[in-house]
Amino acid sequence: MPELPEVQTTVDGLNKTVRGRKIVDVWTDYKSAHKMHEQSVKNPAYFKKFKKKVIGAKIKGARRRAKNILIDLSPRPGSGQATETILVHMKMTGHFVYDAKPDYPYIHLAFTLENKKKLVFSDMRKFAKVTLVETDDETESLHLKNLGPEPLEKNFEFAIFKLQILKRPKGKIKQVLLDQSLIAGIGNIYSDEILWLASVHPLSVVEKIPEKNLKLMYQATLKTLSKGLRLGGDSTSDYRNIKGERGKFQATHNAYQRTGEKCRKAKCKGVIKRLVVGARSAHFCPVHQRLFA
């Protein structure tokens, strides 16, 4: 699933390619009668309303909140409608591509722009969420209201990191890092890399982790997410950027999906292992990653 670096890379790409463009048409072949998709473009009735609101609107720009892409729209002149934002959660296999070739695979949503180019959304497994929220009320929407602070914002200091982590004192640190209500944007890949860099075992209990190790985790969080962003995200799976290109972070993995391989930490003789923590995989070195329990 795309995490903070992949989502931010997409947002940056959207701002470079479609900001200021008018939407003249929108198409989808998503179709689901499931109640969980009632307020998304997967519901044909909702899509009709969605289409009516977005056609004629200009794209003001894109933003990110946690793993969500927020595409702000300028309402059509004289429409009288509130300013709205297209909210997209790419889930496991979704990604936007601008001006894609006609044979680009798994396209399930497409915006035609006034320059006659298309912004398409590829989603092999069809898990993504696309909906509309009123911009002024977005923080109170069901999609965004329970999210934790952003780890790459300037005001995200160690004190905030510690405060958020310690809200789950009995929790295992791997699961706690994945909790979007505590810290936004970290997922399976980056949590493995953060814990490897900080030398903390994924099964460590939060309240047992010494302050010095929490500081190492905080520093590892900033360093790892920044590196992921600098390298254009991780394309171990299906993620692609706005040009349809792969990110490069996967070439630098120290833990994620390296089961059975030698640990890359200097002078460490460990071999990467995998275990399951709360139904999610965790890859770690049993030698230098210390268990606090």
Protein backbone atom coordinates (compact mmCIF):
# COMPACT_ATOMS: atom_id res chain seq x y z
CA MET A 1 0.00 0.00 0.00
CA PRO A 2 1.37 3.45 -0.86
CA GLU A 3 2.65 5.20 2.27
CA LEU A 4 3.61 8.80 3.01
CA PRO A 5 6.52 9.05 0.50
CA GLU A 6 4.50 7.52 -2.36
CA VAL A 7 1.44 9.68 -1.68
CA GLN A 8 3.54 12.86 -1.40
CA THR A 9 5.38 11.97 -4.61
CA THR A 10 2.00 11.63 -6.33
CA VAL A 11 0.80 14.96 -4.92
CA ASP A 12 3.96 16.68 -6.17
CA GLY A 13 3.40 15.13 -9.59
CA LEU A 14 -0.22 16.27 -9.72
CA ASN A 15 0.79 19.84 -8.89
CA LYS A 16 3.32 19.81 -11.72
CA THR A 17 0.94 18.43 -14.34
CA VAL A 18 -2.73 19.23 -13.70
CA ARG A 19 -2.87 22.27 -11.42
CA GLY A 20 -5.01 24.95 -13.05
CA ARG A 21 -6.57 22.54 -15.54
CA LYS A 22 -10.33 22.33 -16.02
CA ILE A 23 -12.06 18.95 -15.86
CA VAL A 24 -14.30 18.51 -18.91
CA ASP A 25 -15.32 14.89 -18.43
CA VAL A 26 -14.90 11.96 -16.07
CA TRP A 27 -15.38 8.23 -16.62
CA THR A 28 -15.27 5.11 -14.49
CA ASP A 29 -16.00 1.41 -14.75
CA TYR A 30 -15.91 0.95 -10.97
CA LYS A 31 -19.23 -0.53 -9.93
CA SER A 32 -20.19 -1.86 -6.52
CA ALA A 33 -23.46 -2.12 -4.62
CA HIS A 34 -21.67 -2.80 -1.33
CA LYS A 35 -22.72 -0.44 1.46
CA MET A 36 -19.10 0.43 2.31
CA HIS A 37 -18.82 2.07 -1.14
CA GLU A 38 -22.06 4.02 -0.81
CA GLN A 39 -20.25 7.39 -0.68
CA SER A 40 -17.63 6.68 -3.32
CA VAL A 41 -17.41 6.61 -7.11
CA LYS A 42 -17.79 2.83 -6.96
CA ASN A 43 -21.49 3.42 -6.32
CA PRO A 44 -23.09 4.32 -9.71
CA ALA A 45 -25.63 6.63 -8.05
CA TYR A 46 -22.89 8.49 -6.20
CA PHE A 47 -20.77 8.69 -9.34
CA LYS A 48 -23.56 10.56 -11.14
CA LYS A 49 -23.46 13.24 -8.43
CA PHE A 50 -19.66 13.21 -8.44
CA LYS A 51 -19.56 13.69 -12.20
CA LYS A 52 -22.00 16.59 -12.07
CA LYS A 53 -19.91 18.39 -9.45
CA VAL A 54 -16.46 17.92 -10.95
CA ILE A 55 -17.15 18.58 -14.64
CA GLY A 56 -16.45 22.24 -15.30
CA ALA A 57 -14.41 22.66 -12.13
CA LYS A 58 -10.74 23.66 -12.15
CA ILE A 59 -8.07 21.81 -10.22
CA LYS A 60 -6.64 24.32 -7.75
CA GLY A 61 -3.94 21.96 -6.58
CA ALA A 62 -3.22 18.79 -4.64
CA ARG A 63 -2.31 18.16 -1.01
CA ARG A 64 -1.65 15.18 1.23
CA ARG A 65 -3.06 14.15 4.59
CA ALA A 66 -1.65 10.87 5.89
CA LYS A 67 -2.10 8.39 3.01
CA ASN A 68 -4.85 10.44 1.37
CA ILE A 69 -4.52 12.59 -1.75
CA LEU A 70 -6.62 15.75 -1.61
CA ILE A 71 -7.35 17.43 -4.95
CA ASP A 72 -8.92 20.85 -4.38
CA LEU A 73 -11.43 22.10 -6.92
CA SER A 74 -12.63 25.58 -7.85
CA PRO A 75 -16.41 25.35 -8.30
CA ARG A 76 -17.89 26.15 -11.67
CA PRO A 77 -18.72 29.88 -12.03
CA GLY A 78 -22.29 30.54 -10.97
CA SER A 79 -22.84 27.01 -9.69
CA GLY A 80 -23.35 28.17 -6.11
CA GLN A 81 -21.85 24.94 -4.79
CA ALA A 82 -19.45 24.76 -1.89
CA THR A 83 -15.75 24.37 -2.59
CA GLU A 84 -15.04 20.66 -2.71
CA THR A 85 -12.06 18.36 -2.64
CA ILE A 86 -11.60 15.01 -4.34
CA LEU A 87 -10.26 12.61 -1.72
CA VAL A 88 -8.33 9.59 -2.98
CA HIS A 89 -6.90 6.76 -0.92
CA MET A 90 -4.84 4.63 -3.30
CA LYS A 91 -5.03 1.53 -1.07
CA MET A 92 -2.90 -1.42 -2.25
CA THR A 93 -2.53 -1.00 -6.00
CA GLY A 94 -3.79 2.45 -7.02
CA HIS A 95 -1.80 5.22 -8.68
CA PHE A 96 -2.40 8.26 -10.91
CA VAL A 97 -0.79 8.66 -14.32
CA TYR A 98 -0.96 11.80 -16.46
CA ASP A 99 -1.20 11.50 -20.25
CA ALA A 100 -0.87 7.72 -20.12
CA LYS A 101 -0.73 5.61 -23.25
CA PRO A 102 -4.12 4.14 -24.29
CA ASP A 103 -2.99 0.62 -23.36
CA TYR A 104 -1.91 1.54 -19.81
CA PRO A 105 -3.19 -1.31 -17.62
CA TYR A 106 -5.98 -1.42 -15.04
CA ILE A 107 -7.47 2.04 -15.66
CA HIS A 108 -10.74 2.34 -13.74
CA LEU A 109 -11.15 6.13 -13.47
CA ALA A 110 -10.22 8.85 -15.95
CA PHE A 111 -10.50 12.64 -15.90
CA THR A 112 -10.43 14.38 -19.28
CA LEU A 113 -8.92 17.86 -19.03
CA GLU A 114 -9.43 20.96 -21.18
CA ASN A 115 -6.06 20.40 -22.86
CA LYS A 116 -7.52 17.08 -24.15
CA LYS A 117 -5.14 15.03 -22.01
CA LYS A 118 -6.29 12.55 -19.40
CA LEU A 119 -5.45 12.00 -15.77
CA VAL A 120 -6.08 8.30 -15.22
CA PHE A 121 -6.21 6.14 -12.13
CA SER A 122 -4.85 2.61 -12.39
CA ASP A 123 -6.00 0.16 -9.73
CA MET A 124 -5.36 -3.52 -10.40
CA ARG A 125 -7.23 -4.85 -7.36
CA LYS A 126 -9.94 -2.14 -7.34
CA PHE A 127 -9.48 -1.42 -3.62
CA ALA A 128 -9.00 2.35 -3.89
CA LYS A 129 -11.37 4.94 -2.43
CA VAL A 130 -12.39 8.05 -4.38
CA THR A 131 -14.96 10.45 -2.97
CA LEU A 132 -15.77 14.14 -2.46
CA VAL A 133 -15.58 16.15 0.75
CA GLU A 134 -16.42 19.79 1.38
CA THR A 135 -13.06 21.52 1.69
CA ASP A 136 -14.01 23.67 4.68
CA ASP A 137 -15.25 20.65 6.65
CA GLU A 138 -12.68 18.07 5.56
CA THR A 139 -10.99 17.74 8.95
CA GLU A 140 -14.30 16.60 10.44
CA SER A 141 -15.01 14.11 7.68
CA LEU A 142 -15.07 10.41 8.47
CA HIS A 143 -11.99 9.96 6.27
CA LEU A 144 -9.70 12.45 8.03
CA LYS A 145 -10.93 13.28 11.51
CA ASN A 146 -9.07 10.58 13.45
CA LEU A 147 -5.59 11.00 12.00
CA GLY A 148 -2.46 11.64 14.01
CA PRO A 149 0.19 14.31 13.36
CA GLU A 150 2.32 14.43 10.21
CA PRO A 151 5.88 13.19 10.88
CA LEU A 152 7.58 15.37 8.25
CA GLU A 153 6.07 18.67 9.36
CA LYS A 154 8.51 21.11 10.98
CA ASN A 155 6.67 21.10 14.31
CA PHE A 156 6.87 17.31 14.67
CA GLU A 157 9.44 17.23 17.45
CA PHE A 158 10.57 14.31 19.59
CA ALA A 159 8.18 15.32 22.39
CA ILE A 160 5.22 14.87 20.04
CA PHE A 161 6.54 11.55 18.73
CA LYS A 162 6.97 10.25 22.28
CA LEU A 163 3.55 11.51 23.39
CA GLN A 164 1.81 9.80 20.48
CA ILE A 165 3.68 6.51 20.81
CA LEU A 166 3.01 6.30 24.55
CA LYS A 167 -0.75 6.52 23.98
CA ARG A 168 -0.45 2.74 23.37
CA PRO A 169 1.92 1.82 26.24
CA LYS A 170 1.12 -1.91 26.12
CA GLY A 171 1.22 -2.11 22.35
CA LYS A 172 3.86 -3.81 20.25
CA ILE A 173 5.89 -1.14 18.51
CA LYS A 174 5.35 -2.51 14.98
CA GLN A 175 1.57 -2.22 15.37
CA VAL A 176 1.82 1.16 17.08
CA LEU A 177 3.81 2.64 14.20
CA LEU A 178 1.09 1.46 11.81
CA ASP A 179 -1.69 3.15 13.81
CA GLN A 180 -2.74 6.16 11.71
CA SER A 181 -4.47 7.78 14.68
CA LEU A 182 -1.07 8.09 16.39
CA ILE A 183 1.29 9.10 13.57
CA ALA A 184 0.05 9.57 10.02
CA GLY A 185 1.52 7.99 6.92
CA ILE A 186 3.70 5.10 8.13
CA GLY A 187 2.89 1.65 6.77
CA ASN A 188 4.40 -1.81 6.58
CA ILE A 189 7.47 -1.03 4.48
CA TYR A 190 8.67 2.07 6.29
CA SER A 191 7.93 0.73 9.78
CA ASP A 192 10.24 -2.24 9.09
CA GLU A 193 12.96 0.09 7.85
CA ILE A 194 12.53 2.50 10.77
CA LEU A 195 12.84 -0.26 13.38
CA TRP A 196 15.85 -1.80 11.62
CA LEU A 197 17.64 1.55 11.58
CA ALA A 198 16.77 2.26 15.23
CA SER A 199 17.81 -1.27 16.31
CA VAL A 200 14.43 -1.96 17.94
CA HIS A 201 12.69 -5.36 17.67
CA PRO A 202 9.13 -5.16 16.21
CA LEU A 203 7.66 -7.03 19.20
CA SER A 204 9.04 -4.54 21.73
CA VAL A 205 6.43 -3.21 24.15
CA VAL A 206 6.17 0.57 23.92
CA GLU A 207 6.39 1.33 27.65
CA LYS A 208 9.50 -0.85 27.94
CA ILE A 209 11.48 1.00 25.29
CA PRO A 210 14.05 3.34 26.94
CA GLU A 211 13.99 7.03 26.09
CA LYS A 212 17.31 6.85 24.25
CA ASN A 213 15.85 4.19 21.95
CA LEU A 214 12.68 6.21 21.42
CA LYS A 215 14.93 9.06 20.29
CA LEU A 216 16.66 6.72 17.86
CA MET A 217 13.24 5.70 16.52
CA TYR A 218 12.22 9.33 16.11
CA GLN A 219 15.39 10.12 14.19
CA ALA A 220 14.98 6.95 12.10
CA THR A 221 11.39 7.95 11.26
CA LEU A 222 12.44 11.33 9.89
CA LYS A 223 15.45 9.92 8.05
CA THR A 224 13.62 6.95 6.51
CA LEU A 225 10.53 8.85 5.33
CA SER A 226 12.67 11.67 3.93
CA LYS A 227 14.80 9.14 2.08
CA GLY A 228 11.69 7.46 0.66
CA LEU A 229 10.44 10.80 -0.58
CA ARG A 230 13.83 11.71 -2.05
CA LEU A 231 13.92 8.42 -3.97
CA GLY A 232 10.42 8.86 -5.37
CA GLY A 233 8.74 6.24 -3.21
CA ASP A 234 8.78 2.46 -3.13
CA SER A 235 7.69 0.32 -6.09
CA THR A 236 8.12 -3.13 -4.58
CA SER A 237 4.51 -3.69 -5.62
CA ASP A 238 2.35 -1.65 -8.01
CA TYR A 239 3.15 1.95 -7.12
CA ARG A 240 4.12 4.25 -9.99
CA ASN A 241 4.54 8.02 -10.11
CA ILE A 242 2.56 10.48 -12.24
CA LYS A 243 4.69 9.52 -15.29
CA GLY A 244 4.09 5.82 -14.76
CA GLU A 245 7.66 5.35 -13.51
CA ARG A 246 8.86 3.22 -10.61
CA GLY A 247 10.24 4.70 -7.41
CA LYS A 248 13.71 3.69 -6.21
CA PHE A 249 13.38 3.18 -2.46
CA GLN A 250 12.99 -0.61 -2.85
CA ALA A 251 16.61 -0.82 -3.97
CA THR A 252 17.71 0.38 -0.52
CA HIS A 253 15.72 -1.99 1.72
CA ASN A 254 17.56 -3.15 4.80
CA ALA A 255 14.75 -5.28 6.24
CA TYR A 256 11.50 -5.30 4.25
CA GLN A 257 11.11 -8.53 2.23
CA ARG A 258 14.75 -9.53 2.79
CA THR A 259 13.91 -12.73 4.69
CA GLY A 260 16.89 -15.10 4.80
CA GLU A 261 19.40 -12.47 3.63
CA LYS A 262 22.36 -11.19 5.63
CA CYS A 263 21.82 -8.09 7.71
CA ARG A 264 23.34 -5.00 6.12
CA LYS A 265 24.25 -3.29 9.38
CA ALA A 266 28.02 -2.89 9.72
CA LYS A 267 29.64 -5.73 11.70
CA CYS A 268 26.26 -7.44 12.31
CA LYS A 269 26.20 -11.16 11.57
CA GLY A 270 22.43 -11.49 11.70
CA VAL A 271 20.08 -12.87 9.05
CA ILE A 272 16.76 -11.12 8.36
CA LYS A 273 13.72 -12.98 9.68
CA ARG A 274 9.99 -12.52 9.19
CA LEU A 275 7.17 -12.83 11.69
CA VAL A 276 3.53 -11.81 11.81
CA VAL A 277 2.44 -9.05 14.18
CA GLY A 278 -1.27 -8.33 14.31
CA ALA A 279 -1.87 -9.91 10.88
CA ARG A 280 0.92 -7.81 9.31
CA SER A 281 4.37 -9.03 8.35
CA ALA A 282 7.44 -7.70 10.10
CA HIS A 283 10.98 -8.14 8.75
CA PHE A 284 13.83 -7.66 11.21
CA CYS A 285 17.31 -8.65 12.29
CA PRO A 286 17.20 -10.81 15.47
CA VAL A 287 20.81 -9.91 16.31
CA HIS A 288 21.04 -6.13 16.43
CA GLN A 289 17.33 -5.24 16.84
CA ARG A 290 16.83 -5.43 20.61
CA LEU A 291 13.63 -6.75 22.16
CA PHE A 292 12.24 -4.60 24.98
CA ALA A 293 9.49 -6.58 26.70
